[in-house]
C-alpha atoms as a PDB file:
ATOM      1  CA  MET A   1      -0.364   0.300  -0.181  1.00  0.00           C
ATOM      2  CA  PHE A   2       0.980   3.407  -0.659  1.00  0.00           C
ATOM      3  CA  ASP A   3       3.737   3.080  -3.160  1.00  0.00           C
ATOM      4  CA  LEU A   4       3.666   6.215  -5.234  1.00  0.00           C
ATOM      5  CA  LYS A   5       6.160   5.343  -7.927  1.00  0.00           C
ATOM      6  CA  GLY A   6       4.816   7.058 -11.334  1.00  0.00           C
ATOM      7  CA  ARG A   7       3.671  10.071  -9.249  1.00  0.00           C
ATOM      8  CA  VAL A   8       5.473  13.236  -9.470  1.00  0.00           C
ATOM      9  CA  ALA A   9       4.823  15.067  -6.471  1.00  0.00           C
ATOM     10  CA  VAL A  10       5.471  18.956  -6.518  1.00  0.00           C
ATOM     11  CA  ILE A  11       7.049  20.167  -2.431  1.00  0.00           C
ATOM     12  CA  SER A  12       6.990  23.964  -1.966  1.00  0.00           C
ATOM     13  CA  GLY A  13       9.346  25.089   0.825  1.00  0.00           C
ATOM     14  CA  ALA A  14      11.652  22.021  -0.257  1.00  0.00           C
ATOM     15  CA  SER A  15      14.635  24.010   0.995  1.00  0.00           C
ATOM     16  CA  SER A  16      14.298  23.416   4.497  1.00  0.00           C
ATOM     17  CA  GLY A  17      11.728  22.264   7.439  1.00  0.00           C
ATOM     18  CA  LEU A  18       8.581  20.381   7.011  1.00  0.00           C
ATOM     19  CA  GLY A  19       9.216  20.950   3.457  1.00  0.00           C
ATOM     20  CA  LYS A  20      12.477  19.199   3.470  1.00  0.00           C
ATOM     21  CA  GLN A  21      11.495  16.138   5.525  1.00  0.00           C
ATOM     22  CA  MET A  22       8.249  15.566   2.821  1.00  0.00           C
ATOM     23  CA  ALA A  23      10.107  15.857  -0.108  1.00  0.00           C
ATOM     24  CA  LEU A  24      12.689  12.625   1.222  1.00  0.00           C
ATOM     25  CA  GLY A  25       9.235  10.582   2.672  1.00  0.00           C
ATOM     26  CA  PHE A  26       7.462  11.335  -1.012  1.00  0.00           C
ATOM     27  CA  ALA A  27      10.795  10.654  -2.636  1.00  0.00           C
ATOM     28  CA  LYS A  28      11.205   7.101  -0.423  1.00  0.00           C
ATOM     29  CA  ALA A  29       7.637   5.935  -1.253  1.00  0.00           C
ATOM     30  CA  GLY A  30       8.610   6.320  -4.955  1.00  0.00           C
ATOM     31  CA  ALA A  31       7.478   9.483  -6.345  1.00  0.00           C
ATOM     32  CA  ASP A  32       9.570  11.655  -8.632  1.00  0.00           C
ATOM     33  CA  VAL A  33       9.741  15.351  -6.470  1.00  0.00           C
ATOM     34  CA  VAL A  34       9.896  18.962  -7.993  1.00  0.00           C
ATOM     35  CA  LEU A  35      11.422  20.553  -5.329  1.00  0.00           C
ATOM     36  CA  VAL A  36      10.445  24.279  -5.080  1.00  0.00           C
ATOM     37  CA  ALA A  37      11.825  27.295  -2.863  1.00  0.00           C
ATOM     38  CA  ARG A  38      13.345  30.637  -3.196  1.00  0.00           C
ATOM     39  CA  ARG A  39      16.941  29.050  -2.062  1.00  0.00           C
ATOM     40  CA  ILE A  40      17.997  27.364  -5.529  1.00  0.00           C
ATOM     41  CA  GLU A  41      21.647  26.598  -3.989  1.00  0.00           C
ATOM     42  CA  ARG A  42      19.665  24.481  -0.493  1.00  0.00           C
ATOM     43  CA  LEU A  43      17.483  23.109  -3.216  1.00  0.00           C
ATOM     44  CA  GLU A  44      20.156  21.905  -5.440  1.00  0.00           C
ATOM     45  CA  GLU A  45      21.979  20.390  -2.358  1.00  0.00           C
ATOM     46  CA  LEU A  46      18.471  18.399  -1.618  1.00  0.00           C
ATOM     47  CA  LYS A  47      17.998  17.329  -5.475  1.00  0.00           C
ATOM     48  CA  SER A  48      20.856  15.212  -5.150  1.00  0.00           C
ATOM     49  CA  ARG A  49      19.838  13.457  -1.844  1.00  0.00           C
ATOM     50  CA  VAL A  50      16.570  12.683  -3.482  1.00  0.00           C
ATOM     51  CA  GLU A  51      18.332  11.672  -6.546  1.00  0.00           C
ATOM     52  CA  GLU A  52      20.412   8.759  -3.954  1.00  0.00           C
ATOM     53  CA  LEU A  53      17.271   7.248  -3.620  1.00  0.00           C
ATOM     54  CA  GLY A  54      16.306   6.125  -6.952  1.00  0.00           C
ATOM     55  CA  VAL A  55      14.078   8.778  -7.886  1.00  0.00           C
ATOM     56  CA  LYS A  56      13.694  11.604 -10.392  1.00  0.00           C
ATOM     57  CA  ALA A  57      14.431  15.510  -8.985  1.00  0.00           C
ATOM     58  CA  LEU A  58      14.004  18.600 -10.319  1.00  0.00           C
ATOM     59  CA  ALA A  59      14.854  21.993  -8.506  1.00  0.00           C
ATOM     60  CA  VAL A  60      12.746  25.509  -9.312  1.00  0.00           C
ATOM     61  CA  LYS A  61      13.842  28.381  -8.007  1.00  0.00           C
ATOM     62  CA  CYS A  62      10.452  29.960  -7.197  1.00  0.00           C
ATOM     63  CA  ASP A  63       9.349  32.601  -4.739  1.00  0.00           C
ATOM     64  CA  VAL A  64       5.517  31.301  -3.953  1.00  0.00           C
ATOM     65  CA  THR A  65       4.319  34.992  -3.358  1.00  0.00           C
ATOM     66  CA  SER A  66       4.957  35.827  -6.964  1.00  0.00           C
ATOM     67  CA  THR A  67       2.079  34.671  -9.823  1.00  0.00           C
ATOM     68  CA  GLU A  68       4.709  34.980 -12.805  1.00  0.00           C
ATOM     69  CA  GLU A  69       7.824  32.772 -10.634  1.00  0.00           C
ATOM     70  CA  ILE A  70       4.402  29.724 -10.198  1.00  0.00           C
ATOM     71  CA  ASN A  71       3.463  29.877 -13.261  1.00  0.00           C
ATOM     72  CA  ALA A  72       6.789  29.422 -14.931  1.00  0.00           C
ATOM     73  CA  ALA A  73       7.652  26.834 -11.982  1.00  0.00           C
ATOM     74  CA  ALA A  74       4.810  25.235 -13.197  1.00  0.00           C
ATOM     75  CA  LYS A  75       5.678  25.613 -16.527  1.00  0.00           C
ATOM     76  CA  MET A  76       9.152  23.627 -16.516  1.00  0.00           C
ATOM     77  CA  ALA A  77       7.030  20.823 -13.787  1.00  0.00           C
ATOM     78  CA  GLU A  78       5.286  20.056 -16.708  1.00  0.00           C
ATOM     79  CA  GLU A  79       8.012  20.122 -19.560  1.00  0.00           C
ATOM     80  CA  ALA A  80       9.574  17.837 -17.119  1.00  0.00           C
ATOM     81  CA  PHE A  81       7.415  15.202 -16.210  1.00  0.00           C
ATOM     82  CA  GLY A  82       4.452  15.643 -18.676  1.00  0.00           C
ATOM     83  CA  LYS A  83       2.152  15.853 -16.036  1.00  0.00           C
ATOM     84  CA  VAL A  84       1.851  16.961 -12.235  1.00  0.00           C
ATOM     85  CA  ASP A  85       0.007  14.589  -9.777  1.00  0.00           C
ATOM     86  CA  ILE A  86       0.807  16.026  -6.087  1.00  0.00           C
ATOM     87  CA  LEU A  87       0.898  18.995  -5.063  1.00  0.00           C
ATOM     88  CA  VAL A  88       2.041  20.073  -0.899  1.00  0.00           C
ATOM     89  CA  ASN A  89       1.663  23.467  -0.265  1.00  0.00           C
ATOM     90  CA  CYS A  90       4.650  23.805   2.857  1.00  0.00           C
ATOM     91  CA  ALA A  91       5.980  27.158   2.090  1.00  0.00           C
ATOM     92  CA  GLY A  92       5.158  29.620   4.805  1.00  0.00           C
ATOM     93  CA  SER A  93       6.351  32.039   7.012  1.00  0.00           C
ATOM     94  CA  SER A  94       5.230  34.503   9.763  1.00  0.00           C
ATOM     95  CA  LYS A  95       5.777  38.156  11.524  1.00  0.00           C
ATOM     96  CA  ASP A  96       4.456  37.229  14.939  1.00  0.00           C
ATOM     97  CA  LYS A  97       2.198  39.699  16.922  1.00  0.00           C
ATOM     98  CA  GLY A  98      -0.693  39.960  18.726  1.00  0.00           C
ATOM     99  CA  VAL A  99      -4.022  41.975  17.406  1.00  0.00           C
ATOM    100  CA  LEU A 100      -3.111  45.153  19.676  1.00  0.00           C
ATOM    101  CA  GLU A 101       0.156  46.257  18.227  1.00  0.00           C
ATOM    102  CA  MET A 102       0.604  44.175  14.512  1.00  0.00           C
ATOM    103  CA  GLU A 103       1.264  46.408  11.819  1.00  0.00           C
ATOM    104  CA  ASP A 104      -0.284  46.320   8.305  1.00  0.00           C
ATOM    105  CA  GLU A 105       3.125  45.597   6.278  1.00  0.00           C
ATOM    106  CA  GLU A 106       3.301  42.622   8.816  1.00  0.00           C
ATOM    107  CA  TRP A 107      -0.307  41.326   8.649  1.00  0.00           C
ATOM    108  CA  ASP A 108       0.030  41.891   4.668  1.00  0.00           C
ATOM    109  CA  PHE A 109       3.348  39.461   4.559  1.00  0.00           C
ATOM    110  CA  THR A 110       1.779  37.104   6.631  1.00  0.00           C
ATOM    111  CA  ILE A 111      -1.338  35.891   4.877  1.00  0.00           C
ATOM    112  CA  SER A 112       0.553  36.046   1.514  1.00  0.00           C
ATOM    113  CA  THR A 113       3.283  34.012   2.476  1.00  0.00           C
ATOM    114  CA  ASP A 114       1.118  31.761   4.216  1.00  0.00           C
ATOM    115  CA  LEU A 115      -2.398  32.143   2.671  1.00  0.00           C
ATOM    116  CA  THR A 116      -2.672  33.580  -1.223  1.00  0.00           C
ATOM    117  CA  SER A 117      -0.152  31.445  -1.654  1.00  0.00           C
ATOM    118  CA  VAL A 118      -1.950  28.419  -1.593  1.00  0.00           C
ATOM    119  CA  PHE A 119      -4.456  29.898  -3.807  1.00  0.00           C
ATOM    120  CA  LYS A 120      -1.499  30.627  -6.129  1.00  0.00           C
ATOM    121  CA  MET A 121      -0.029  27.496  -6.212  1.00  0.00           C
ATOM    122  CA  THR A 122      -3.497  25.160  -6.155  1.00  0.00           C
ATOM    123  CA  ARG A 123      -4.318  27.063  -8.982  1.00  0.00           C
ATOM    124  CA  ALA A 124      -1.497  26.829 -10.983  1.00  0.00           C
ATOM    125  CA  PHE A 125      -0.823  23.036 -10.745  1.00  0.00           C
ATOM    126  CA  ALA A 126      -4.429  22.359 -10.604  1.00  0.00           C
ATOM    127  CA  ASN A 127      -4.927  23.314 -13.947  1.00  0.00           C
ATOM    128  CA  ILE A 128      -2.181  20.682 -15.191  1.00  0.00           C
ATOM    129  CA  MET A 129      -3.738  17.828 -12.967  1.00  0.00           C
ATOM    130  CA  LYS A 130      -7.323  18.847 -14.977  1.00  0.00           C
ATOM    131  CA  LYS A 131      -5.306  17.967 -17.923  1.00  0.00           C
ATOM    132  CA  HIS A 132      -5.563  14.314 -16.698  1.00  0.00           C
ATOM    133  CA  ALA A 133      -8.702  14.056 -14.351  1.00  0.00           C
ATOM    134  CA  TYR A 134      -6.238  13.183 -11.626  1.00  0.00           C
ATOM    135  CA  GLY A 135      -5.013  15.227  -8.411  1.00  0.00           C
ATOM    136  CA  ARG A 136      -4.417  15.468  -5.102  1.00  0.00           C
ATOM    137  CA  VAL A 137      -3.374  18.750  -3.141  1.00  0.00           C
ATOM    138  CA  ILE A 138      -1.739  18.792  -0.067  1.00  0.00           C
ATOM    139  CA  ASN A 139      -2.150  21.603   2.151  1.00  0.00           C
ATOM    140  CA  ILE A 140       0.074  22.581   5.354  1.00  0.00           C
ATOM    141  CA  ALA A 141      -1.713  24.268   7.848  1.00  0.00           C
ATOM    142  CA  SER A 142      -1.031  24.383  11.353  1.00  0.00           C
ATOM    143  CA  MET A 143      -2.999  23.464  14.407  1.00  0.00           C
ATOM    144  CA  TYR A 144      -3.149  26.905  15.456  1.00  0.00           C
ATOM    145  CA  GLY A 145      -5.376  27.312  11.963  1.00  0.00           C
ATOM    146  CA  MET A 146      -8.149  25.410  14.266  1.00  0.00           C
ATOM    147  CA  VAL A 147      -7.486  26.797  17.887  1.00  0.00           C
ATOM    148  CA  GLY A 148      -6.386  29.970  19.465  1.00  0.00           C
ATOM    149  CA  ASN A 149      -3.489  29.807  22.016  1.00  0.00           C
ATOM    150  CA  SER A 150      -2.816  31.955  25.062  1.00  0.00           C
ATOM    151  CA  GLU A 151       1.133  31.629  25.423  1.00  0.00           C
ATOM    152  CA  ILE A 152       2.698  33.480  21.599  1.00  0.00           C
ATOM    153  CA  PRO A 153       0.891  36.525  20.034  1.00  0.00           C
ATOM    154  CA  THR A 154       0.679  35.613  16.450  1.00  0.00           C
ATOM    155  CA  ILE A 155      -3.007  36.634  14.669  1.00  0.00           C
ATOM    156  CA  ALA A 156      -2.015  37.129  11.759  1.00  0.00           C
ATOM    157  CA  TYR A 157      -0.628  33.559  11.721  1.00  0.00           C
ATOM    158  CA  HIS A 158      -3.870  31.464  13.478  1.00  0.00           C
ATOM    159  CA  SER A 159      -6.143  33.660  10.436  1.00  0.00           C
ATOM    160  CA  SER A 160      -3.946  32.280   7.271  1.00  0.00           C
ATOM    161  CA  LYS A 161      -3.807  29.070   8.615  1.00  0.00           C
ATOM    162  CA  GLY A 162      -7.595  28.963   9.598  1.00  0.00           C
ATOM    163  CA  GLY A 163      -7.784  30.691   6.134  1.00  0.00           C
ATOM    164  CA  VAL A 164      -6.183  27.482   4.334  1.00  0.00           C
ATOM    165  CA  VAL A 165      -8.499  24.924   6.670  1.00  0.00           C
ATOM    166  CA  ASN A 166     -11.382  26.432   4.909  1.00  0.00           C
ATOM    167  CA  PHE A 167      -9.773  27.081   1.948  1.00  0.00           C
ATOM    168  CA  THR A 168      -9.421  23.333   0.977  1.00  0.00           C
ATOM    169  CA  ARG A 169     -12.917  22.384   2.446  1.00  0.00           C
ATOM    170  CA  ALA A 170     -13.693  24.912  -0.628  1.00  0.00           C
ATOM    171  CA  ALA A 171     -11.507  23.604  -3.310  1.00  0.00           C
ATOM    172  CA  ALA A 172     -12.305  20.011  -2.219  1.00  0.00           C
ATOM    173  CA  ALA A 173     -15.497  20.781  -2.905  1.00  0.00           C
ATOM    174  CA  GLU A 174     -14.572  22.494  -6.322  1.00  0.00           C
ATOM    175  CA  LEU A 175     -12.618  20.186  -7.818  1.00  0.00           C
ATOM    176  CA  ALA A 176     -13.818  16.615  -6.805  1.00  0.00           C
ATOM    177  CA  LYS A 177     -15.259  16.941 -10.018  1.00  0.00           C
ATOM    178  CA  GLU A 178     -11.678  17.164 -11.676  1.00  0.00           C
ATOM    179  CA  GLY A 179     -10.697  13.533 -10.580  1.00  0.00           C
ATOM    180  CA  ILE A 180      -8.687  15.608  -7.218  1.00  0.00           C
ATOM    181  CA  THR A 181      -8.451  15.903  -4.159  1.00  0.00           C
ATOM    182  CA  VAL A 182      -7.560  18.443  -1.289  1.00  0.00           C
ATOM    183  CA  ASN A 183      -6.756  17.701   1.793  1.00  0.00           C
ATOM    184  CA  CYS A 184      -5.404  19.505   4.858  1.00  0.00           C
ATOM    185  CA  ILE A 185      -2.579  19.120   7.603  1.00  0.00           C
ATOM    186  CA  CYS A 186      -2.102  20.952  10.599  1.00  0.00           C
ATOM    187  CA  PRO A 187       0.975  19.908  12.211  1.00  0.00           C
ATOM    188  CA  GLY A 188       1.685  20.683  15.878  1.00  0.00           C
ATOM    189  CA  TYR A 189       4.713  21.571  17.572  1.00  0.00           C
ATOM    190  CA  PHE A 190       7.217  20.660  15.126  1.00  0.00           C
ATOM    191  CA  TYR A 191      11.262  21.762  14.938  1.00  0.00           C
ATOM    192  CA  THR A 192      12.079  24.167  11.618  1.00  0.00           C
ATOM    193  CA  GLU A 193      14.172  27.219  11.170  1.00  0.00           C
ATOM    194  CA  LEU A 194      11.364  29.614  12.397  1.00  0.00           C
ATOM    195  CA  THR A 195      10.228  27.574  15.597  1.00  0.00           C
ATOM    196  CA  THR A 196      13.733  26.241  16.903  1.00  0.00           C
ATOM    197  CA  ALA A 197      14.643  29.439  18.962  1.00  0.00           C
ATOM    198  CA  VAL A 198      11.141  29.599  20.880  1.00  0.00           C
ATOM    199  CA  LEU A 199      10.847  25.066  21.204  1.00  0.00           C
ATOM    200  CA  ASP A 200      14.067  25.341  22.701  1.00  0.00           C
ATOM    201  CA  THR A 201      13.139  27.955  25.632  1.00  0.00           C
ATOM    202  CA  PRO A 202      12.804  26.502  29.139  1.00  0.00           C
ATOM    203  CA  LYS A 203       9.427  28.281  29.251  1.00  0.00           C
ATOM    204  CA  PHE A 204       7.892  27.044  26.422  1.00  0.00           C
ATOM    205  CA  GLN A 205       8.939  23.264  27.260  1.00  0.00           C
ATOM    206  CA  GLU A 206       6.760  23.395  30.055  1.00  0.00           C
ATOM    207  CA  PHE A 207       4.009  25.037  28.275  1.00  0.00           C
ATOM    208  CA  ALA A 208       4.226  21.873  25.782  1.00  0.00           C
ATOM    209  CA  SER A 209       4.601  19.088  27.934  1.00  0.00           C
ATOM    210  CA  SER A 210       1.361  20.568  30.308  1.00  0.00           C
ATOM    211  CA  HIS A 211      -0.367  21.073  26.761  1.00  0.00           C
ATOM    212  CA  VAL A 212       0.204  18.483  24.791  1.00  0.00           C
ATOM    213  CA  PRO A 213      -1.506  14.926  25.776  1.00  0.00           C
ATOM    214  CA  MET A 214       1.327  13.244  24.360  1.00  0.00           C
ATOM    215  CA  GLY A 215       4.207  15.336  26.875  1.00  0.00           C
ATOM    216  CA  ARG A 216       6.687  16.689  23.682  1.00  0.00           C
ATOM    217  CA  TYR A 217       6.619  17.981  19.953  1.00  0.00           C
ATOM    218  CA  GLY A 218       6.802  16.016  16.628  1.00  0.00           C
ATOM    219  CA  LYS A 219       9.922  14.264  15.267  1.00  0.00           C
ATOM    220  CA  GLU A 220      11.511  14.269  12.206  1.00  0.00           C
ATOM    221  CA  GLY A 221       9.294  12.627   9.199  1.00  0.00           C
ATOM    222  CA  GLU A 222       6.172  12.088  11.535  1.00  0.00           C
ATOM    223  CA  LEU A 223       4.009  14.033   9.287  1.00  0.00           C
ATOM    224  CA  ASN A 224       5.150  11.835   6.177  1.00  0.00           C
ATOM    225  CA  ALA A 225       3.156   9.200   6.883  1.00  0.00           C
ATOM    226  CA  ALA A 226      -0.382  11.097   6.432  1.00  0.00           C
ATOM    227  CA  ALA A 227       0.972  13.152   3.835  1.00  0.00           C
ATOM    228  CA  VAL A 228       2.002  10.132   1.712  1.00  0.00           C
ATOM    229  CA  PHE A 229      -1.692   8.549   3.066  1.00  0.00           C
ATOM    230  CA  LEU A 230      -3.523  11.495   1.400  1.00  0.00           C
ATOM    231  CA  ALA A 231      -1.283  11.464  -1.503  1.00  0.00           C
ATOM    232  CA  SER A 232      -1.706   7.967  -2.249  1.00  0.00           C
ATOM    233  CA  GLU A 233      -4.328   6.203  -4.528  1.00  0.00           C
ATOM    234  CA  GLU A 234      -5.726   4.442  -0.926  1.00  0.00           C
ATOM    235  CA  ALA A 235      -6.906   7.579  -0.170  1.00  0.00           C
ATOM    236  CA  SER A 236      -9.761   8.049  -2.891  1.00  0.00           C
ATOM    237  CA  TYR A 237     -12.083   8.837  -1.330  1.00  0.00           C
ATOM    238  CA  VAL A 238     -10.718  11.054   1.332  1.00  0.00           C
ATOM    239  CA  THR A 239     -11.378  14.547   0.343  1.00  0.00           C
ATOM    240  CA  GLY A 240     -11.547  18.009   1.923  1.00  0.00           C
ATOM    241  CA  VAL A 241     -10.047  16.056   4.922  1.00  0.00           C
ATOM    242  CA  ILE A 242      -8.363  18.370   8.332  1.00  0.00           C
ATOM    243  CA  LEU A 243      -6.105  16.358   9.808  1.00  0.00           C
ATOM    244  CA  PRO A 244      -4.144  17.307  12.827  1.00  0.00           C
ATOM    245  CA  VAL A 245      -0.615  15.880  13.687  1.00  0.00           C
ATOM    246  CA  ASP A 246      -0.366  17.697  16.798  1.00  0.00           C
ATOM    247  CA  GLY A 247      -0.026  15.029  19.738  1.00  0.00           C
ATOM    248  CA  GLY A 248      -3.599  15.689  21.062  1.00  0.00           C
ATOM    249  CA  TYR A 249      -2.979  19.226  21.315  1.00  0.00           C
ATOM    250  CA  THR A 250      -6.463  20.022  19.813  1.00  0.00           C
ATOM    251  CA  ALA A 251      -8.192  17.179  21.174  1.00  0.00           C
ATOM    252  CA  VAL A 252      -8.787  18.823  24.717  1.00  0.00           C
END
């Protein structure tokens, strides 16, 4: 089960963090991988690691807030592989402030990077999927898209990820007739370049141990199984699903 040989997976935000982990996870499952991010030198390094797993890889420099660069990336992927089967929208960033302090520019940056990019990427690559009446779109939101939090004021992040959650439902309803499923994974606390400084503080470690039922952060690779499942043939009747992978944080 869950064999992705012959499938082509596009992964945004692949230069680091969860995107990099999932790129390797999809390659191990047999998929050819299109690596999308702004830092091309990191993508080229990852491309070599992916190809060592016996699959093909393409590194594409792309700013996911740019319509022109996204469309160019979609064209490159289609020209290289003839199709796109899977899209993982993993790119993101955030300016963390509360509702009373956040500046317009910080809000706009976060919404553009974390929400509008998901729309633009899905539009570009789902139009390729439509040609083949087959596709899997997997959006990486956050458990913070499902709940608020009392520890870190980050209003734009909550709002953008909440938008991704309901974008997933709306896109799933629209694209079902095209043979395209759209689902969403909501990670809990995982180490990335953006989170390490906070997660390593004693204060936050104490908070997480008392608020996460499993009492720990997510480990490297623990998102991959959910993503591979949603990308698989076996998940053909699964669409519009919001799947937390958070150690039980949103269960209490």
